Each structure stands twice: as structure tokens, then as C-alpha cells.
């Protein structure tokens, strides 16, 4: 399960970095919509019990979602530092 989570975080980090900083004329609201949509799909993909977890303790599950997104942001910044993703909307 942790392997799927790690792959999901890396995928969302790469998508976030490219969507936010890749194309020059890419609207910010569209980039965040893509990130939210892909993030939701990836989170539910690696957490098949997400709905049950939210029902049992929504605070703990909300923390897990926030940590997932923050980890993805860190991965995106790391990809930028390694020159694997754009650092500004210069494409």
C-alpha cells in the first residue's frame, strides 16, 4: 500500500509543477482544477477505504489528505531543483 502512496505523491507532484509553471498561457484556475481532480482520483485510488475512514474519523483522514498534497508539493519543488520540471511558466 505504501508503494502506491509514494507513486501517487510523485505523480501528483509532477503534475502540479507542470500545471502551475509549465505553459505560459495556462490559466491558474484551470491548473488548480487539474491538481484537485487528479489529487482526488489518486487519493481514492491508493486509499480504497477513504469513505469509511472519513465516516469513522474525519479529522484524521483530512490530515492524511493534507499531508498527501503537501508531500506532492515538495516533490514538485524537488523535480524543479533537479531540472525535471519547469520552475516558471517559460514553456
PDB file of N, CA and C in Angstrom:
ATOM      1  N   UNK A   1       0.817  -1.191   0.000  1.00  0.00           N
ATOM      2  CA  UNK A   1       0.000   0.000   0.000  1.00  0.00           C
ATOM      3  C   UNK A   1       0.870   1.268   0.000  1.00  0.00           C
ATOM      4  N   UNK A   2       1.955   1.254   0.753  1.00  0.00           N
ATOM      5  CA  UNK A   2       2.814   2.433   0.814  1.00  0.00           C
ATOM      6  C   UNK A   2       3.497   2.706  -0.521  1.00  0.00           C
ATOM      7  N   UNK A   3       3.755   1.665  -1.321  1.00  0.00           N
ATOM      8  CA  UNK A   3       4.347   1.872  -2.639  1.00  0.00           C
ATOM      9  C   UNK A   3       3.408   2.660  -3.534  1.00  0.00           C
ATOM     10  N   UNK A   4       2.126   2.328  -3.485  1.00  0.00           N
ATOM     11  CA  UNK A   4       1.133   3.042  -4.290  1.00  0.00           C
ATOM     12  C   UNK A   4       1.047   4.495  -3.826  1.00  0.00           C
ATOM     13  N   UNK A   5       1.097   4.706  -2.531  1.00  0.00           N
ATOM     14  CA  UNK A   5       1.038   6.070  -1.989  1.00  0.00           C
ATOM     15  C   UNK A   5       2.235   6.884  -2.458  1.00  0.00           C
ATOM     16  N   UNK A   6       3.421   6.307  -2.419  1.00  0.00           N
ATOM     17  CA  UNK A   6       4.629   7.026  -2.849  1.00  0.00           C
ATOM     18  C   UNK A   6       4.559   7.363  -4.336  1.00  0.00           C
ATOM     19  N   UNK A   7       4.123   6.425  -5.143  1.00  0.00           N
ATOM     20  CA  UNK A   7       3.999   6.667  -6.584  1.00  0.00           C
ATOM     21  C   UNK A   7       2.960   7.754  -6.842  1.00  0.00           C
ATOM     22  N   UNK A   8       1.868   7.729  -6.100  1.00  0.00           N
ATOM     23  CA  UNK A   8       0.814   8.732  -6.261  1.00  0.00           C
ATOM     24  C   UNK A   8       1.311  10.119  -5.905  1.00  0.00           C
ATOM     25  N   UNK A   9       2.076  10.235  -4.831  1.00  0.00           N
ATOM     26  CA  UNK A   9       2.604  11.541  -4.415  1.00  0.00           C
ATOM     27  C   UNK A   9       3.559  12.090  -5.473  1.00  0.00           C
ATOM     28  N   UNK A  10       4.419  11.230  -6.003  1.00  0.00           N
ATOM     29  CA  UNK A  10       5.352  11.665  -7.045  1.00  0.00           C
ATOM     30  C   UNK A  10       4.578  12.110  -8.282  1.00  0.00           C
ATOM     31  N   UNK A  11       3.574  11.327  -8.675  1.00  0.00           N
ATOM     32  CA  UNK A  11       2.777  11.683  -9.865  1.00  0.00           C
ATOM     33  C   UNK A  11       2.076  13.021  -9.666  1.00  0.00           C
ATOM     34  N   UNK A  12       1.434  13.226  -8.530  1.00  0.00           N
ATOM     35  CA  UNK A  12       0.739  14.489  -8.288  1.00  0.00           C
ATOM     36  C   UNK A  12       1.721  15.651  -8.194  1.00  0.00           C
ATOM     37  N   UNK A  13       2.888  15.436  -7.607  1.00  0.00           N
ATOM     38  CA  UNK A  13       3.891  16.495  -7.542  1.00  0.00           C
ATOM     39  C   UNK A  13       4.352  16.928  -8.923  1.00  0.00           C
ATOM     40  N   UNK A  14       4.575  15.961  -9.797  1.00  0.00           N
ATOM     41  CA  UNK A  14       4.990  16.287 -11.164  1.00  0.00           C
ATOM     42  C   UNK A  14       3.879  17.008 -11.919  1.00  0.00           C
ATOM     43  N   UNK A  15       2.656  16.538 -11.774  1.00  0.00           N
ATOM     44  CA  UNK A  15       1.516  17.175 -12.448  1.00  0.00           C
ATOM     45  C   UNK A  15       1.329  18.598 -11.933  1.00  0.00           C
ATOM     46  N   UNK A  16       1.440  18.783 -10.626  1.00  0.00           N
ATOM     47  CA  UNK A  16       1.265  20.114 -10.044  1.00  0.00           C
ATOM     48  C   UNK A  16       2.328  21.076 -10.551  1.00  0.00           C
ATOM     49  N   UNK A  17       3.582  20.635 -10.569  1.00  0.00           N
ATOM     50  CA  UNK A  17       4.658  21.517 -11.014  1.00  0.00           C
ATOM     51  C   UNK A  17       4.470  21.902 -12.479  1.00  0.00           C
ATOM     52  N   UNK A  18       4.096  20.949 -13.315  1.00  0.00           N
ATOM     53  CA  UNK A  18       3.903  21.244 -14.737  1.00  0.00           C
ATOM     54  C   UNK A  18       2.656  22.094 -14.965  1.00  0.00           C
ATOM     55  N   UNK A  19       1.575  21.791 -14.257  1.00  0.00           N
ATOM     56  CA  UNK A  19       0.339  22.548 -14.476  1.00  0.00           C
ATOM     57  C   UNK A  19       0.466  23.990 -14.005  1.00  0.00           C
ATOM     58  N   UNK A  20       1.146  24.199 -12.889  1.00  0.00           N
ATOM     59  CA  UNK A  20       1.266  25.551 -12.348  1.00  0.00           C
ATOM     60  C   UNK A  20       2.336  26.381 -13.046  1.00  0.00           C
ATOM     61  N   UNK A  21       3.404  25.738 -13.509  1.00  0.00           N
ATOM     62  CA  UNK A  21       4.539  26.505 -14.013  1.00  0.00           C
ATOM     63  C   UNK A  21       4.952  26.170 -15.438  1.00  0.00           C
ATOM     64  N   UNK A  22       4.245  25.259 -16.098  1.00  0.00           N
ATOM     65  CA  UNK A  22       4.649  24.848 -17.433  1.00  0.00           C
ATOM     66  C   UNK A  22       4.247  25.807 -18.535  1.00  0.00           C
ATOM     67  N   UNK A  23       3.057  25.670 -19.058  1.00  0.00           N
ATOM     68  CA  UNK A  23       2.648  26.503 -20.202  1.00  0.00           C
ATOM     69  C   UNK A  23       2.478  27.968 -19.827  1.00  0.00           C
ATOM     70  N   UNK A  24       2.868  28.856 -20.722  1.00  0.00           N
ATOM     71  CA  UNK A  24       2.774  30.298 -20.463  1.00  0.00           C
ATOM     72  C   UNK A  24       1.345  30.778 -20.253  1.00  0.00           C
ATOM     73  N   UNK A  25       0.469  30.400 -21.117  1.00  0.00           N
ATOM     74  CA  UNK A  25      -0.888  30.943 -21.093  1.00  0.00           C
ATOM     75  C   UNK A  25      -1.886  29.982 -20.442  1.00  0.00           C
ATOM     76  N   UNK A  26      -1.441  29.170 -19.518  1.00  0.00           N
ATOM     77  CA  UNK A  26      -2.312  28.213 -18.825  1.00  0.00           C
ATOM     78  C   UNK A  26      -2.972  28.930 -17.660  1.00  0.00           C
ATOM     79  N   UNK A  27      -4.301  29.087 -17.653  1.00  0.00           N
ATOM     80  CA  UNK A  27      -4.959  29.826 -16.565  1.00  0.00           C
ATOM     81  C   UNK A  27      -4.748  29.155 -15.206  1.00  0.00           C
ATOM     82  N   UNK A  28      -4.522  29.964 -14.199  1.00  0.00           N
ATOM     83  CA  UNK A  28      -4.265  29.468 -12.854  1.00  0.00           C
ATOM     84  C   UNK A  28      -5.434  28.641 -12.320  1.00  0.00           C
ATOM     85  N   UNK A  29      -6.671  29.074 -12.570  1.00  0.00           N
ATOM     86  CA  UNK A  29      -7.836  28.340 -12.065  1.00  0.00           C
ATOM     87  C   UNK A  29      -7.906  26.950 -12.703  1.00  0.00           C
ATOM     88  N   UNK A  30      -7.501  26.831 -13.948  1.00  0.00           N
ATOM     89  CA  UNK A  30      -7.513  25.525 -14.617  1.00  0.00           C
ATOM     90  C   UNK A  30      -6.434  24.617 -14.040  1.00  0.00           C
ATOM     91  N   UNK A  31      -5.260  25.181 -13.767  1.00  0.00           N
ATOM     92  CA  UNK A  31      -4.178  24.397 -13.171  1.00  0.00           C
ATOM     93  C   UNK A  31      -4.606  23.832 -11.823  1.00  0.00           C
ATOM     94  N   UNK A  32      -5.209  24.666 -10.984  1.00  0.00           N
ATOM     95  CA  UNK A  32      -5.647  24.194  -9.663  1.00  0.00           C
ATOM     96  C   UNK A  32      -6.794  23.193  -9.787  1.00  0.00           C
ATOM     97  N   UNK A  33      -7.659  23.363 -10.785  1.00  0.00           N
ATOM     98  CA  UNK A  33      -8.722  22.383 -11.017  1.00  0.00           C
ATOM     99  C   UNK A  33      -8.165  21.024 -11.393  1.00  0.00           C
ATOM    100  N   UNK A  34      -7.148  21.034 -12.241  1.00  0.00           N
ATOM    101  CA  UNK A  34      -6.494  19.778 -12.635  1.00  0.00           C
ATOM    102  C   UNK A  34      -5.833  19.125 -11.421  1.00  0.00           C
ATOM    103  N   UNK A  35      -5.141  19.923 -10.630  1.00  0.00           N
ATOM    104  CA  UNK A  35      -4.470  19.388  -9.444  1.00  0.00           C
ATOM    105  C   UNK A  35      -5.483  18.787  -8.471  1.00  0.00           C
ATOM    106  N   UNK A  36      -6.586  19.484  -8.235  1.00  0.00           N
ATOM    107  CA  UNK A  36      -7.609  18.977  -7.315  1.00  0.00           C
ATOM    108  C   UNK A  36      -8.235  17.693  -7.846  1.00  0.00           C
ATOM    109  N   UNK A  37      -8.554  17.673  -9.127  1.00  0.00           N
ATOM    110  CA  UNK A  37      -9.170  16.482  -9.715  1.00  0.00           C
ATOM    111  C   UNK A  37      -8.247  15.283  -9.698  1.00  0.00           C
ATOM    112  N   UNK A  38      -7.022  15.478 -10.159  1.00  0.00           N
ATOM    113  CA  UNK A  38      -6.052  14.374 -10.179  1.00  0.00           C
ATOM    114  C   UNK A  38      -5.708  13.951  -8.752  1.00  0.00           C
ATOM    115  N   UNK A  39      -5.577  14.925  -7.859  1.00  0.00           N
ATOM    116  CA  UNK A  39      -5.285  14.604  -6.463  1.00  0.00           C
ATOM    117  C   UNK A  39      -6.380  13.754  -5.833  1.00  0.00           C
ATOM    118  N   UNK A  40      -7.632  14.118  -6.088  1.00  0.00           N
ATOM    119  CA  UNK A  40      -8.746  13.328  -5.558  1.00  0.00           C
ATOM    120  C   UNK A  40      -8.760  11.913  -6.097  1.00  0.00           C
ATOM    121  N   UNK A  41      -8.557  11.784  -7.396  1.00  0.00           N
ATOM    122  CA  UNK A  41      -8.541  10.444  -8.013  1.00  0.00           C
ATOM    123  C   UNK A  41      -7.399   9.611  -7.443  1.00  0.00           C
ATOM    124  N   UNK A  42      -6.200  10.195  -7.366  1.00  0.00           N
ATOM    125  CA  UNK A  42      -5.060   9.451  -6.836  1.00  0.00           C
ATOM    126  C   UNK A  42      -5.257   9.078  -5.373  1.00  0.00           C
ATOM    127  N   UNK A  43      -5.806  10.004  -4.577  1.00  0.00           N
ATOM    128  CA  UNK A  43      -6.011   9.699  -3.161  1.00  0.00           C
ATOM    129  C   UNK A  43      -6.981   8.540  -2.983  1.00  0.00           C
ATOM    130  N   UNK A  44      -8.083   8.560  -3.703  1.00  0.00           N
ATOM    131  CA  UNK A  44      -9.055   7.472  -3.582  1.00  0.00           C
ATOM    132  C   UNK A  44      -8.534   6.187  -4.205  1.00  0.00           C
ATOM    133  N   UNK A  45      -7.611   6.287  -5.149  1.00  0.00           N
ATOM    134  CA  UNK A  45      -7.028   5.098  -5.749  1.00  0.00           C
ATOM    135  C   UNK A  45      -6.153   4.359  -4.732  1.00  0.00           C
ATOM    136  N   UNK A  46      -5.304   5.090  -3.983  1.00  0.00           N
ATOM    137  CA  UNK A  46      -4.429   4.393  -3.047  1.00  0.00           C
ATOM    138  C   UNK A  46      -5.058   4.223  -1.674  1.00  0.00           C
ATOM    139  N   UNK A  47      -6.248   4.783  -1.461  1.00  0.00           N
ATOM    140  CA  UNK A  47      -6.961   4.612  -0.188  1.00  0.00           C
ATOM    141  C   UNK A  47      -8.376   4.109  -0.468  1.00  0.00           C
ATOM    142  N   UNK A  48      -8.530   2.822  -0.729  1.00  0.00           N
ATOM    143  CA  UNK A  48      -9.865   2.306  -1.052  1.00  0.00           C
ATOM    144  C   UNK A  48     -10.866   2.425   0.096  1.00  0.00           C
ATOM    145  N   UNK A  49     -10.381   2.629   1.316  1.00  0.00           N
ATOM    146  CA  UNK A  49     -11.277   2.764   2.468  1.00  0.00           C
ATOM    147  C   UNK A  49     -11.467   4.225   2.875  1.00  0.00           C
ATOM    148  N   UNK A  50     -11.213   5.156   1.961  1.00  0.00           N
ATOM    149  CA  UNK A  50     -11.265   6.585   2.303  1.00  0.00           C
ATOM    150  C   UNK A  50     -12.636   7.006   2.822  1.00  0.00           C
ATOM    151  N   UNK A  51     -13.692   6.554   2.184  1.00  0.00           N
ATOM    152  CA  UNK A  51     -15.049   6.945   2.619  1.00  0.00           C
ATOM    153  C   UNK A  51     -15.323   6.426   4.025  1.00  0.00           C
ATOM    154  N   UNK A  52     -14.967   5.198   4.295  1.00  0.00           N
ATOM    155  CA  UNK A  52     -15.144   4.620   5.633  1.00  0.00           C
ATOM    156  C   UNK A  52     -14.278   5.365   6.643  1.00  0.00           C
ATOM    157  N   UNK A  53     -13.056   5.697   6.243  1.00  0.00           N
ATOM    158  CA  UNK A  53     -12.166   6.427   7.149  1.00  0.00           C
ATOM    159  C   UNK A  53     -12.721   7.798   7.493  1.00  0.00           C
ATOM    160  N   UNK A  54     -13.275   8.508   6.484  1.00  0.00           N
ATOM    161  CA  UNK A  54     -13.885   9.816   6.749  1.00  0.00           C
ATOM    162  C   UNK A  54     -15.067   9.680   7.699  1.00  0.00           C
ATOM    163  N   UNK A  55     -15.855   8.625   7.514  1.00  0.00           N
ATOM    164  CA  UNK A  55     -17.014   8.409   8.396  1.00  0.00           C
ATOM    165  C   UNK A  55     -16.577   8.126   9.823  1.00  0.00           C
ATOM    166  N   UNK A  56     -15.506   7.364   9.979  1.00  0.00           N
ATOM    167  CA  UNK A  56     -15.052   6.986  11.314  1.00  0.00           C
ATOM    168  C   UNK A  56     -14.383   8.150  12.038  1.00  0.00           C
ATOM    169  N   UNK A  57     -13.503   8.870  11.356  1.00  0.00           N
ATOM    170  CA  UNK A  57     -12.790   9.972  11.990  1.00  0.00           C
ATOM    171  C   UNK A  57     -12.348  10.940  10.903  1.00  0.00           C
ATOM    172  N   UNK A  58     -13.154  11.937  10.620  1.00  0.00           N
ATOM    173  CA  UNK A  58     -12.883  12.839   9.506  1.00  0.00           C
ATOM    174  C   UNK A  58     -11.638  13.687   9.737  1.00  0.00           C
ATOM    175  N   UNK A  59     -11.311  13.981  11.001  1.00  0.00           N
ATOM    176  CA  UNK A  59     -10.131  14.804  11.274  1.00  0.00           C
ATOM    177  C   UNK A  59      -8.844  14.081  10.883  1.00  0.00           C
ATOM    178  N   UNK A  60      -8.750  12.828  11.242  1.00  0.00           N
ATOM    179  CA  UNK A  60      -7.564  12.045  10.899  1.00  0.00           C
ATOM    180  C   UNK A  60      -7.444  11.883   9.388  1.00  0.00           C
ATOM    181  N   UNK A  61      -8.532  11.638   8.725  1.00  0.00           N
ATOM    182  CA  UNK A  61      -8.494  11.447   7.274  1.00  0.00           C
ATOM    183  C   UNK A  61      -8.207  12.767   6.559  1.00  0.00           C
ATOM    184  N   UNK A  62      -8.733  13.869   7.062  1.00  0.00           N
ATOM    185  CA  UNK A  62      -8.427  15.176   6.479  1.00  0.00           C
ATOM    186  C   UNK A  62      -6.936  15.482   6.625  1.00  0.00           C
ATOM    187  N   UNK A  63      -6.360  15.131   7.751  1.00  0.00           N
ATOM    188  CA  UNK A  63      -4.922  15.282   7.958  1.00  0.00           C
ATOM    189  C   UNK A  63      -4.155  14.476   6.907  1.00  0.00           C
ATOM    190  N   UNK A  64      -4.590  13.250   6.628  1.00  0.00           N
ATOM    191  CA  UNK A  64      -3.926  12.406   5.632  1.00  0.00           C
ATOM    192  C   UNK A  64      -3.988  13.049   4.251  1.00  0.00           C
ATOM    193  N   UNK A  65      -5.125  13.639   3.898  1.00  0.00           N
ATOM    194  CA  UNK A  65      -5.264  14.296   2.595  1.00  0.00           C
ATOM    195  C   UNK A  65      -4.338  15.513   2.519  1.00  0.00           C
ATOM    196  N   UNK A  66      -4.300  16.308   3.579  1.00  0.00           N
ATOM    197  CA  UNK A  66      -3.438  17.495   3.597  1.00  0.00           C
ATOM    198  C   UNK A  66      -1.972  17.088   3.477  1.00  0.00           C
ATOM    199  N   UNK A  67      -1.568  16.068   4.189  1.00  0.00           N
ATOM    200  CA  UNK A  67      -0.188  15.602   4.111  1.00  0.00           C
ATOM    201  C   UNK A  67       0.142  15.064   2.720  1.00  0.00           C
ATOM    202  N   UNK A  68      -0.822  14.428   2.074  1.00  0.00           N
ATOM    203  CA  UNK A  68      -0.638  13.937   0.714  1.00  0.00           C
ATOM    204  C   UNK A  68      -0.359  15.095  -0.235  1.00  0.00           C
ATOM    205  N   UNK A  69      -1.167  16.150  -0.141  1.00  0.00           N
ATOM    206  CA  UNK A  69      -0.994  17.310  -1.023  1.00  0.00           C
ATOM    207  C   UNK A  69       0.315  18.031  -0.717  1.00  0.00           C
ATOM    208  N   UNK A  70       0.653  18.202   0.552  1.00  0.00           N
ATOM    209  CA  UNK A  70       1.891  18.881   0.912  1.00  0.00           C
ATOM    210  C   UNK A  70       3.116  18.083   0.462  1.00  0.00           C
ATOM    211  N   UNK A  71       3.048  16.769   0.573  1.00  0.00           N
ATOM    212  CA  UNK A  71       4.147  15.934   0.086  1.00  0.00           C
ATOM    213  C   UNK A  71       4.304  16.078  -1.413  1.00  0.00           C
ATOM    214  N   UNK A  72       3.182  16.120  -2.125  1.00  0.00           N
ATOM    215  CA  UNK A  72       3.226  16.286  -3.576  1.00  0.00           C
ATOM    216  C   UNK A  72       3.858  17.624  -3.939  1.00  0.00           C
ATOM    217  N   UNK A  73       3.543  18.677  -3.204  1.00  0.00           N
ATOM    218  CA  UNK A  73       4.141  19.990  -3.470  1.00  0.00           C
ATOM    219  C   UNK A  73       5.650  19.937  -3.272  1.00  0.00           C
ATOM    220  N   UNK A  74       6.086  19.237  -2.245  1.00  0.00           N
ATOM    221  CA  UNK A  74       7.514  19.077  -2.011  1.00  0.00           C
ATOM    222  C   UNK A  74       8.202  18.311  -3.139  1.00  0.00           C
ATOM    223  N   UNK A  75       7.553  17.284  -3.634  1.00  0.00           N
ATOM    224  CA  UNK A  75       8.095  16.515  -4.760  1.00  0.00           C
ATOM    225  C   UNK A  75       8.194  17.413  -5.985  1.00  0.00           C
ATOM    226  N   UNK A  76       7.177  18.230  -6.228  1.00  0.00           N
ATOM    227  CA  UNK A  76       7.207  19.147  -7.369  1.00  0.00           C
ATOM    228  C   UNK A  76       8.374  20.107  -7.282  1.00  0.00           C
ATOM    229  N   UNK A  77       8.626  20.633  -6.101  1.00  0.00           N
ATOM    230  CA  UNK A  77       9.767  21.536  -5.908  1.00  0.00           C
ATOM    231  C   UNK A  77      11.083  20.795  -6.117  1.00  0.00           C
ATOM    232  N   UNK A  78      11.136  19.558  -5.672  1.00  0.00           N
ATOM    233  CA  UNK A  78      12.338  18.754  -5.872  1.00  0.00           C
ATOM    234  C   UNK A  78      12.591  18.467  -7.344  1.00  0.00           C
ATOM    235  N   UNK A  79      11.528  18.184  -8.090  1.00  0.00           N
ATOM    236  CA  UNK A  79      11.671  17.958  -9.528  1.00  0.00           C
ATOM    237  C   UNK A  79      12.181  19.215 -10.222  1.00  0.00           C
ATOM    238  N   UNK A  80      11.730  20.375  -9.761  1.00  0.00           N
ATOM    239  CA  UNK A  80      12.227  21.642 -10.311  1.00  0.00           C
ATOM    240  C   UNK A  80      13.717  21.786 -10.020  1.00  0.00           C
ATOM    241  N   UNK A  81      14.116  21.479  -8.817  1.00  0.00           N
ATOM    242  CA  UNK A  81      15.526  21.604  -8.442  1.00  0.00           C
ATOM    243  C   UNK A  81      16.413  20.658  -9.250  1.00  0.00           C
ATOM    244  N   UNK A  82      15.874  19.513  -9.652  1.00  0.00           N
ATOM    245  CA  UNK A  82      16.633  18.554 -10.460  1.00  0.00           C
ATOM    246  C   UNK A  82      16.514  18.830 -11.959  1.00  0.00           C
ATOM    247  N   UNK A  83      15.869  19.944 -12.290  1.00  0.00           N
ATOM    248  CA  UNK A  83      15.645  20.326 -13.700  1.00  0.00           C
ATOM    249  C   UNK A  83      14.806  19.306 -14.469  1.00  0.00           C
ATOM    250  N   UNK A  84      13.891  18.637 -13.768  1.00  0.00           N
ATOM    251  CA  UNK A  84      12.982  17.699 -14.404  1.00  0.00           C
ATOM    252  C   UNK A  84      11.604  18.301 -14.618  1.00  0.00           C
ATOM    253  N   UNK A  85      11.358  19.480 -14.059  1.00  0.00           N
ATOM    254  CA  UNK A  85      10.097  20.183 -14.215  1.00  0.00           C
ATOM    255  C   UNK A  85      10.406  21.675 -14.285  1.00  0.00           C
ATOM    256  N   UNK A  86       9.550  22.437 -14.956  1.00  0.00           N
ATOM    257  CA  UNK A  86       9.825  23.868 -15.108  1.00  0.00           C
ATOM    258  C   UNK A  86       9.687  24.616 -13.784  1.00  0.00           C
ATOM    259  N   UNK A  87      10.503  25.644 -13.632  1.00  0.00           N
ATOM    260  CA  UNK A  87      10.445  26.472 -12.430  1.00  0.00           C
ATOM    261  C   UNK A  87       9.613  27.714 -12.636  1.00  0.00           C
ATOM    262  N   UNK A  88       9.332  28.040 -13.878  1.00  0.00           N
ATOM    263  CA  UNK A  88       8.496  29.203 -14.179  1.00  0.00           C
ATOM    264  C   UNK A  88       7.727  28.912 -15.468  1.00  0.00           C
ATOM    265  N   UNK A  89       6.744  29.733 -15.749  1.00  0.00           N
ATOM    266  CA  UNK A  89       5.922  29.488 -16.942  1.00  0.00           C
ATOM    267  C   UNK A  89       6.638  29.975 -18.196  1.00  0.00           C
ATOM    268  N   UNK A  90       7.723  29.293 -18.517  1.00  0.00           N
ATOM    269  CA  UNK A  90       8.573  29.716 -19.622  1.00  0.00           C
ATOM    270  C   UNK A  90       8.425  28.833 -20.864  1.00  0.00           C
ATOM    271  N   UNK A  91       7.539  27.850 -20.798  1.00  0.00           N
ATOM    272  CA  UNK A  91       7.398  26.947 -21.956  1.00  0.00           C
ATOM    273  C   UNK A  91       6.442  27.486 -22.967  1.00  0.00           C
TER     274      UNK A  91
END
